[in-house]
Amino acid sequence: MKKLFYVFIGIMLFSIVLYSQDQYNFIRIKGGYGSYSMYDMENIQNFIVSAYKQQNIKASTVDQFPSFWNFELQFSRNLFNSIYITGSMGFSSTGGRVHYRDFSGEVKLDQLVKANSFGLGVEYCFNPAESFKYYTGLHFNLVFSTLEMNDFIRIYNETNNEVTKFESSGVGFEPLGAIEYELEPFFFRLEMGFLLNLNGPYYLQDSNDLILKVSGDEISPDWTGYRFGFSFGIGF
């Protein structure tokens, strides 16, 4: 997390120091809902289900990385009337589960996927003098993902639980459009974007040399998908 913190501090300093002090600033808190293209993660689940079936265990996929909530803190600075530069810090999560239970026991494998992102973006406002403002923009994000594999097995009264953690890093590009209502100094925004995410493979948290693979193929998270959000901001 330290490197994420340093990146965000760098973005904030860039947006604050590079431009004169008489520009207008915004801080926004955003809650959103996103869809995710977790193809590699679904392959893990298919592999696990197949492996269990070879042992005559009728496990099945219960959760398959559904759309879920995300959160973001944004700092935005007005540069040239219609042009804004934005720094952001965000969090997203989703998960999957493979499960089976009968009278003799239970098997359950949870895959919890999380991402911390730090971004820098440029936005253009079509009508800065109006109360209802229309924006378009492009955000660039550094995305740092984690995967927690929680493997639970119970045979009658005997249980075993193992947790394995992986990490991955990548980048994201998000074109977006937004409508914002100004009730100075407060701002309310509806936003829709499409995140294109490119990530490296997962590696074991305690060893960068051990890469997660299934059937010889490297496994990566993919946060690509549509994102919808509502944010509340204050200008100063």
C-alpha atoms as a PDB file:
ATOM      1  CA  MET A   1       0.000   0.000   0.000  1.00  0.00           C
ATOM      2  CA  LYS A   2       2.923   2.381   0.473  1.00  0.00           C
ATOM      3  CA  LYS A   3       3.613   2.672  -3.252  1.00  0.00           C
ATOM      4  CA  LEU A   4      -0.086   3.413  -3.847  1.00  0.00           C
ATOM      5  CA  PHE A   5       0.002   6.147  -1.262  1.00  0.00           C
ATOM      6  CA  TYR A   6       3.086   7.729  -2.835  1.00  0.00           C
ATOM      7  CA  VAL A   7       1.503   7.683  -6.297  1.00  0.00           C
ATOM      8  CA  PHE A   8      -1.608   9.430  -5.003  1.00  0.00           C
ATOM      9  CA  ILE A   9       0.432  12.046  -3.161  1.00  0.00           C
ATOM     10  CA  GLY A  10       2.355  12.692  -6.385  1.00  0.00           C
ATOM     11  CA  ILE A  11      -0.889  13.217  -8.303  1.00  0.00           C
ATOM     12  CA  MET A  12      -2.200  15.618  -5.697  1.00  0.00           C
ATOM     13  CA  LEU A  13       1.030  17.633  -5.655  1.00  0.00           C
ATOM     14  CA  PHE A  14       1.079  17.732  -9.439  1.00  0.00           C
ATOM     15  CA  SER A  15      -2.438  19.172  -9.624  1.00  0.00           C
ATOM     16  CA  ILE A  16      -1.911  21.640  -6.754  1.00  0.00           C
ATOM     17  CA  VAL A  17       1.604  22.949  -7.379  1.00  0.00           C
ATOM     18  CA  LEU A  18       1.725  23.078 -11.174  1.00  0.00           C
ATOM     19  CA  TYR A  19      -1.020  25.671 -11.482  1.00  0.00           C
ATOM     20  CA  SER A  20      -1.642  29.021  -9.840  1.00  0.00           C
ATOM     21  CA  GLN A  21      -3.469  29.307  -6.542  1.00  0.00           C
ATOM     22  CA  ASP A  22      -6.445  31.260  -7.931  1.00  0.00           C
ATOM     23  CA  GLN A  23      -7.982  28.294  -9.717  1.00  0.00           C
ATOM     24  CA  TYR A  24     -11.174  26.604  -8.506  1.00  0.00           C
ATOM     25  CA  ASN A  25     -10.934  23.214  -6.777  1.00  0.00           C
ATOM     26  CA  PHE A  26     -13.388  20.386  -6.090  1.00  0.00           C
ATOM     27  CA  ILE A  27     -13.399  17.412  -3.761  1.00  0.00           C
ATOM     28  CA  ARG A  28     -15.868  14.630  -4.624  1.00  0.00           C
ATOM     29  CA  ILE A  29     -16.942  11.421  -2.914  1.00  0.00           C
ATOM     30  CA  LYS A  30     -18.245   8.937  -5.461  1.00  0.00           C
ATOM     31  CA  GLY A  31     -20.213   5.736  -5.060  1.00  0.00           C
ATOM     32  CA  GLY A  32     -20.584   3.568  -8.131  1.00  0.00           C
ATOM     33  CA  TYR A  33     -21.626   0.236  -9.555  1.00  0.00           C
ATOM     34  CA  GLY A  34     -19.454  -1.662 -12.011  1.00  0.00           C
ATOM     35  CA  SER A  35     -19.433  -4.746 -14.215  1.00  0.00           C
ATOM     36  CA  TYR A  36     -16.258  -6.823 -14.622  1.00  0.00           C
ATOM     37  CA  SER A  37     -14.854  -9.126 -17.324  1.00  0.00           C
ATOM     38  CA  MET A  38     -13.228 -11.708 -15.053  1.00  0.00           C
ATOM     39  CA  TYR A  39     -12.662 -14.334 -17.758  1.00  0.00           C
ATOM     40  CA  ASP A  40      -9.465 -15.772 -16.224  1.00  0.00           C
ATOM     41  CA  MET A  41     -11.088 -15.952 -12.804  1.00  0.00           C
ATOM     42  CA  GLU A  42     -14.016 -17.877 -14.261  1.00  0.00           C
ATOM     43  CA  ASN A  43     -11.475 -20.293 -15.763  1.00  0.00           C
ATOM     44  CA  ILE A  44     -10.157 -20.962 -12.252  1.00  0.00           C
ATOM     45  CA  GLN A  45     -13.664 -21.878 -11.130  1.00  0.00           C
ATOM     46  CA  ASN A  46     -14.198 -24.183 -14.120  1.00  0.00           C
ATOM     47  CA  PHE A  47     -10.883 -25.911 -13.389  1.00  0.00           C
ATOM     48  CA  ILE A  48     -11.803 -26.397  -9.716  1.00  0.00           C
ATOM     49  CA  VAL A  49     -15.258 -27.782 -10.531  1.00  0.00           C
ATOM     50  CA  SER A  50     -13.704 -30.200 -13.033  1.00  0.00           C
ATOM     51  CA  ALA A  51     -11.087 -31.331 -10.502  1.00  0.00           C
ATOM     52  CA  TYR A  52     -13.770 -31.992  -7.878  1.00  0.00           C
ATOM     53  CA  LYS A  53     -15.868 -33.968 -10.355  1.00  0.00           C
ATOM     54  CA  GLN A  54     -12.922 -36.263 -10.996  1.00  0.00           C
ATOM     55  CA  GLN A  55     -13.144 -37.096  -7.283  1.00  0.00           C
ATOM     56  CA  ASN A  56     -16.930 -37.663  -7.540  1.00  0.00           C
ATOM     57  CA  ILE A  57     -17.649 -34.410  -5.688  1.00  0.00           C
ATOM     58  CA  LYS A  58     -20.508 -32.557  -7.360  1.00  0.00           C
ATOM     59  CA  ALA A  59     -19.287 -29.040  -6.683  1.00  0.00           C
ATOM     60  CA  SER A  60     -20.714 -26.145  -8.694  1.00  0.00           C
ATOM     61  CA  THR A  61     -20.165 -22.422  -9.168  1.00  0.00           C
ATOM     62  CA  VAL A  62     -22.358 -20.399  -6.812  1.00  0.00           C
ATOM     63  CA  ASP A  63     -21.064 -16.862  -7.429  1.00  0.00           C
ATOM     64  CA  GLN A  64     -19.261 -15.852 -10.626  1.00  0.00           C
ATOM     65  CA  PHE A  65     -17.760 -12.389 -10.061  1.00  0.00           C
ATOM     66  CA  PRO A  66     -20.938 -10.310 -10.366  1.00  0.00           C
ATOM     67  CA  SER A  67     -21.243  -6.559 -10.786  1.00  0.00           C
ATOM     68  CA  PHE A  68     -20.662  -4.811  -7.485  1.00  0.00           C
ATOM     69  CA  TRP A  69     -20.269  -1.467  -5.738  1.00  0.00           C
ATOM     70  CA  ASN A  70     -17.122   0.654  -5.959  1.00  0.00           C
ATOM     71  CA  PHE A  71     -15.999   3.834  -4.229  1.00  0.00           C
ATOM     72  CA  GLU A  72     -13.766   6.735  -5.201  1.00  0.00           C
ATOM     73  CA  LEU A  73     -12.345   9.941  -3.738  1.00  0.00           C
ATOM     74  CA  GLN A  74     -11.590  12.627  -6.323  1.00  0.00           C
ATOM     75  CA  PHE A  75      -9.729  15.921  -6.309  1.00  0.00           C
ATOM     76  CA  SER A  76     -10.466  18.130  -9.341  1.00  0.00           C
ATOM     77  CA  ARG A  77      -8.906  21.445 -10.374  1.00  0.00           C
ATOM     78  CA  ASN A  78     -10.301  23.909 -12.904  1.00  0.00           C
ATOM     79  CA  LEU A  79      -7.534  25.049 -15.240  1.00  0.00           C
ATOM     80  CA  PHE A  80      -8.858  27.042 -18.192  1.00  0.00           C
ATOM     81  CA  ASN A  81     -12.572  27.666 -17.639  1.00  0.00           C
ATOM     82  CA  SER A  82     -13.750  24.444 -19.370  1.00  0.00           C
ATOM     83  CA  ILE A  83     -10.739  22.183 -18.671  1.00  0.00           C
ATOM     84  CA  TYR A  84     -10.306  20.216 -15.437  1.00  0.00           C
ATOM     85  CA  ILE A  85      -7.550  17.948 -14.190  1.00  0.00           C
ATOM     86  CA  THR A  86      -8.582  15.204 -11.745  1.00  0.00           C
ATOM     87  CA  GLY A  87      -6.719  12.984  -9.306  1.00  0.00           C
ATOM     88  CA  SER A  88      -8.522   9.984  -7.830  1.00  0.00           C
ATOM     89  CA  MET A  89      -8.180   7.139  -5.351  1.00  0.00           C
ATOM     90  CA  GLY A  90     -10.632   4.237  -5.672  1.00  0.00           C
ATOM     91  CA  PHE A  91     -11.587   0.805  -4.397  1.00  0.00           C
ATOM     92  CA  SER A  92     -13.450  -2.013  -6.201  1.00  0.00           C
ATOM     93  CA  SER A  93     -14.269  -5.605  -5.289  1.00  0.00           C
ATOM     94  CA  THR A  94     -16.074  -8.703  -6.493  1.00  0.00           C
ATOM     95  CA  GLY A  95     -15.861 -12.417  -5.798  1.00  0.00           C
ATOM     96  CA  GLY A  96     -16.649 -15.979  -6.705  1.00  0.00           C
ATOM     97  CA  ARG A  97     -17.523 -19.205  -4.889  1.00  0.00           C
ATOM     98  CA  VAL A  98     -17.415 -22.905  -5.693  1.00  0.00           C
ATOM     99  CA  HIS A  99     -19.396 -25.008  -3.207  1.00  0.00           C
ATOM    100  CA  TYR A 100     -20.794 -28.445  -2.416  1.00  0.00           C
ATOM    101  CA  ARG A 101     -22.283 -29.938   0.769  1.00  0.00           C
ATOM    102  CA  ASP A 102     -23.915 -33.223   1.737  1.00  0.00           C
ATOM    103  CA  PHE A 103     -24.329 -35.344   4.884  1.00  0.00           C
ATOM    104  CA  SER A 104     -20.647 -36.375   4.900  1.00  0.00           C
ATOM    105  CA  GLY A 105     -19.066 -32.963   4.594  1.00  0.00           C
ATOM    106  CA  GLU A 106     -18.563 -29.758   2.661  1.00  0.00           C
ATOM    107  CA  VAL A 107     -16.117 -28.154   0.229  1.00  0.00           C
ATOM    108  CA  LYS A 108     -16.066 -24.406  -0.379  1.00  0.00           C
ATOM    109  CA  LEU A 109     -13.545 -22.301  -2.288  1.00  0.00           C
ATOM    110  CA  ASP A 110     -14.016 -18.517  -2.179  1.00  0.00           C
ATOM    111  CA  GLN A 111     -12.139 -16.164  -4.504  1.00  0.00           C
ATOM    112  CA  LEU A 112     -12.231 -12.578  -3.225  1.00  0.00           C
ATOM    113  CA  VAL A 113     -10.908 -10.058  -5.757  1.00  0.00           C
ATOM    114  CA  LYS A 114     -10.130  -6.461  -4.753  1.00  0.00           C
ATOM    115  CA  ALA A 115      -8.484  -3.508  -6.462  1.00  0.00           C
ATOM    116  CA  ASN A 116      -7.024  -0.210  -5.278  1.00  0.00           C
ATOM    117  CA  SER A 117      -6.629   2.353  -8.041  1.00  0.00           C
ATOM    118  CA  PHE A 118      -4.940   5.724  -8.309  1.00  0.00           C
ATOM    119  CA  GLY A 119      -5.678   7.876 -11.307  1.00  0.00           C
ATOM    120  CA  LEU A 120      -5.138  11.081 -13.203  1.00  0.00           C
ATOM    121  CA  GLY A 121      -7.667  12.441 -15.681  1.00  0.00           C
ATOM    122  CA  VAL A 122      -8.648  15.346 -17.913  1.00  0.00           C
ATOM    123  CA  GLU A 123     -12.251  16.505 -18.280  1.00  0.00           C
ATOM    124  CA  TYR A 124     -13.936  19.057 -20.543  1.00  0.00           C
ATOM    125  CA  CYS A 125     -17.104  20.942 -19.568  1.00  0.00           C
ATOM    126  CA  PHE A 126     -19.303  21.982 -22.507  1.00  0.00           C
ATOM    127  CA  ASN A 127     -21.206  24.712 -20.621  1.00  0.00           C
ATOM    128  CA  PRO A 128     -19.263  25.928 -17.543  1.00  0.00           C
ATOM    129  CA  ALA A 129     -21.538  28.953 -16.997  1.00  0.00           C
ATOM    130  CA  GLU A 130     -24.702  26.873 -16.511  1.00  0.00           C
ATOM    131  CA  SER A 131     -26.068  25.222 -13.368  1.00  0.00           C
ATOM    132  CA  PHE A 132     -26.514  21.919 -15.225  1.00  0.00           C
ATOM    133  CA  LYS A 133     -23.102  21.088 -16.646  1.00  0.00           C
ATOM    134  CA  TYR A 134     -22.172  18.421 -19.210  1.00  0.00           C
ATOM    135  CA  TYR A 135     -18.759  16.772 -19.136  1.00  0.00           C
ATOM    136  CA  THR A 136     -16.678  14.373 -21.146  1.00  0.00           C
ATOM    137  CA  GLY A 137     -13.299  13.093 -20.069  1.00  0.00           C
ATOM    138  CA  LEU A 138     -10.576  10.489 -20.050  1.00  0.00           C
ATOM    139  CA  HIS A 139      -9.046   9.018 -16.894  1.00  0.00           C
ATOM    140  CA  PHE A 140      -5.849   6.978 -16.628  1.00  0.00           C
ATOM    141  CA  ASN A 141      -5.536   4.612 -13.634  1.00  0.00           C
ATOM    142  CA  LEU A 142      -2.857   2.503 -12.007  1.00  0.00           C
ATOM    143  CA  VAL A 143      -4.652  -0.604 -10.728  1.00  0.00           C
ATOM    144  CA  PHE A 144      -3.271  -2.827  -7.954  1.00  0.00           C
ATOM    145  CA  SER A 145      -5.295  -6.007  -7.465  1.00  0.00           C
ATOM    146  CA  THR A 146      -5.315  -8.721  -4.824  1.00  0.00           C
ATOM    147  CA  LEU A 147      -6.798 -12.212  -4.900  1.00  0.00           C
ATOM    148  CA  GLU A 148      -7.580 -14.138  -1.718  1.00  0.00           C
ATOM    149  CA  MET A 149      -8.278 -17.855  -2.205  1.00  0.00           C
ATOM    150  CA  ASN A 150     -10.050 -19.292   0.836  1.00  0.00           C
ATOM    151  CA  ASP A 151     -10.222 -23.102   0.646  1.00  0.00           C
ATOM    152  CA  PHE A 152     -12.490 -24.755   3.219  1.00  0.00           C
ATOM    153  CA  ILE A 153     -12.943 -28.554   3.548  1.00  0.00           C
ATOM    154  CA  ARG A 154     -15.051 -30.394   6.135  1.00  0.00           C
ATOM    155  CA  ILE A 155     -15.269 -34.198   6.357  1.00  0.00           C
ATOM    156  CA  TYR A 156     -17.739 -35.105   9.104  1.00  0.00           C
ATOM    157  CA  ASN A 157     -16.333 -33.256  12.142  1.00  0.00           C
ATOM    158  CA  GLU A 158     -12.828 -32.649  10.750  1.00  0.00           C
ATOM    159  CA  THR A 159     -12.212 -29.264   9.095  1.00  0.00           C
ATOM    160  CA  ASN A 160      -9.343 -27.648   7.239  1.00  0.00           C
ATOM    161  CA  ASN A 161      -9.130 -24.046   6.081  1.00  0.00           C
ATOM    162  CA  GLU A 162      -6.301 -22.567   3.955  1.00  0.00           C
ATOM    163  CA  VAL A 163      -5.936 -18.994   2.700  1.00  0.00           C
ATOM    164  CA  THR A 164      -3.602 -18.085  -0.184  1.00  0.00           C
ATOM    165  CA  LYS A 165      -3.051 -14.501  -1.306  1.00  0.00           C
ATOM    166  CA  PHE A 166      -1.906 -13.153  -4.677  1.00  0.00           C
ATOM    167  CA  GLU A 167      -1.180  -9.712  -6.115  1.00  0.00           C
ATOM    168  CA  SER A 168      -1.234  -8.135  -9.564  1.00  0.00           C
ATOM    169  CA  SER A 169      -0.720  -4.675 -11.063  1.00  0.00           C
ATOM    170  CA  GLY A 170      -1.840  -3.012 -14.251  1.00  0.00           C
ATOM    171  CA  VAL A 171      -3.325   0.069 -15.904  1.00  0.00           C
ATOM    172  CA  GLY A 172      -6.776   1.268 -16.871  1.00  0.00           C
ATOM    173  CA  PHE A 173      -8.186   3.814 -19.323  1.00  0.00           C
ATOM    174  CA  GLU A 174     -11.693   5.178 -18.787  1.00  0.00           C
ATOM    175  CA  PRO A 175     -13.553   7.472 -21.210  1.00  0.00           C
ATOM    176  CA  LEU A 176     -16.598   8.922 -19.484  1.00  0.00           C
ATOM    177  CA  GLY A 177     -19.533  11.288 -19.679  1.00  0.00           C
ATOM    178  CA  ALA A 178     -21.212  13.116 -16.796  1.00  0.00           C
ATOM    179  CA  ILE A 179     -24.028  15.476 -15.879  1.00  0.00           C
ATOM    180  CA  GLU A 180     -23.422  17.731 -12.885  1.00  0.00           C
ATOM    181  CA  TYR A 181     -25.759  20.093 -11.047  1.00  0.00           C
ATOM    182  CA  GLU A 182     -24.210  23.067  -9.260  1.00  0.00           C
ATOM    183  CA  LEU A 183     -25.736  24.399  -6.053  1.00  0.00           C
ATOM    184  CA  GLU A 184     -22.690  26.401  -5.061  1.00  0.00           C
ATOM    185  CA  PRO A 185     -20.566  25.418  -3.227  1.00  0.00           C
ATOM    186  CA  PHE A 186     -22.058  21.915  -3.609  1.00  0.00           C
ATOM    187  CA  PHE A 187     -22.089  19.752  -6.725  1.00  0.00           C
ATOM    188  CA  PHE A 188     -24.082  16.605  -7.551  1.00  0.00           C
ATOM    189  CA  ARG A 189     -22.966  14.401 -10.430  1.00  0.00           C
ATOM    190  CA  LEU A 190     -24.213  11.388 -12.399  1.00  0.00           C
ATOM    191  CA  GLU A 191     -21.479   9.640 -14.353  1.00  0.00           C
ATOM    192  CA  MET A 192     -21.086   6.749 -16.778  1.00  0.00           C
ATOM    193  CA  GLY A 193     -17.805   5.361 -18.117  1.00  0.00           C
ATOM    194  CA  PHE A 194     -16.217   2.316 -19.656  1.00  0.00           C
ATOM    195  CA  LEU A 195     -12.999   1.077 -18.061  1.00  0.00           C
ATOM    196  CA  LEU A 196     -10.520  -0.790 -20.250  1.00  0.00           C
ATOM    197  CA  ASN A 197      -8.180  -2.643 -17.889  1.00  0.00           C
ATOM    198  CA  LEU A 198      -4.853  -4.343 -18.703  1.00  0.00           C
ATOM    199  CA  ASN A 199      -3.224  -6.336 -15.883  1.00  0.00           C
ATOM    200  CA  GLY A 200      -0.189  -8.495 -15.371  1.00  0.00           C
ATOM    201  CA  PRO A 201      -0.567 -12.036 -13.976  1.00  0.00           C
ATOM    202  CA  TYR A 202      -1.204 -12.805 -10.342  1.00  0.00           C
ATOM    203  CA  TYR A 203       1.881 -13.713  -8.330  1.00  0.00           C
ATOM    204  CA  LEU A 204       2.082 -15.172  -4.841  1.00  0.00           C
ATOM    205  CA  GLN A 205       2.065 -12.382  -2.263  1.00  0.00           C
ATOM    206  CA  ASP A 206       5.188 -13.706  -0.531  1.00  0.00           C
ATOM    207  CA  SER A 207       7.100 -14.493  -3.732  1.00  0.00           C
ATOM    208  CA  ASN A 208       7.092 -12.524  -7.003  1.00  0.00           C
ATOM    209  CA  ASP A 209       8.557 -15.526  -8.841  1.00  0.00           C
ATOM    210  CA  LEU A 210       5.541 -17.804  -8.289  1.00  0.00           C
ATOM    211  CA  ILE A 211       2.889 -16.914 -10.865  1.00  0.00           C
ATOM    212  CA  LEU A 212      -0.665 -18.241 -10.710  1.00  0.00           C
ATOM    213  CA  LYS A 213      -1.425 -20.508 -13.688  1.00  0.00           C
ATOM    214  CA  VAL A 214      -4.250 -22.837 -14.739  1.00  0.00           C
ATOM    215  CA  SER A 215      -3.511 -25.489 -17.387  1.00  0.00           C
ATOM    216  CA  GLY A 216      -0.316 -23.602 -18.228  1.00  0.00           C
ATOM    217  CA  ASP A 217      -2.057 -20.249 -18.756  1.00  0.00           C
ATOM    218  CA  GLU A 218      -1.268 -17.248 -16.562  1.00  0.00           C
ATOM    219  CA  ILE A 219      -4.214 -15.877 -14.578  1.00  0.00           C
ATOM    220  CA  SER A 220      -4.897 -12.128 -14.422  1.00  0.00           C
ATOM    221  CA  PRO A 221      -7.746  -9.988 -13.058  1.00  0.00           C
ATOM    222  CA  ASP A 222      -9.733  -7.951 -15.573  1.00  0.00           C
ATOM    223  CA  TRP A 223     -11.777  -4.999 -14.342  1.00  0.00           C
ATOM    224  CA  THR A 224     -12.902  -4.076 -17.869  1.00  0.00           C
ATOM    225  CA  GLY A 225     -16.558  -3.074 -17.944  1.00  0.00           C
ATOM    226  CA  TYR A 226     -19.156  -0.340 -17.578  1.00  0.00           C
ATOM    227  CA  ARG A 227     -19.164   1.840 -14.489  1.00  0.00           C
ATOM    228  CA  PHE A 228     -22.027   4.009 -13.233  1.00  0.00           C
ATOM    229  CA  GLY A 229     -21.617   6.444 -10.394  1.00  0.00           C
ATOM    230  CA  PHE A 230     -23.123   9.226  -8.315  1.00  0.00           C
ATOM    231  CA  SER A 231     -20.900  11.714  -6.546  1.00  0.00           C
ATOM    232  CA  PHE A 232     -21.307  14.550  -4.087  1.00  0.00           C
ATOM    233  CA  GLY A 233     -18.731  17.330  -4.164  1.00  0.00           C
ATOM    234  CA  ILE A 234     -17.812  20.655  -2.686  1.00  0.00           C
ATOM    235  CA  GLY A 235     -15.972  23.502  -4.395  1.00  0.00           C
ATOM    236  CA  PHE A 236     -13.477  25.825  -2.774  1.00  0.00           C
END
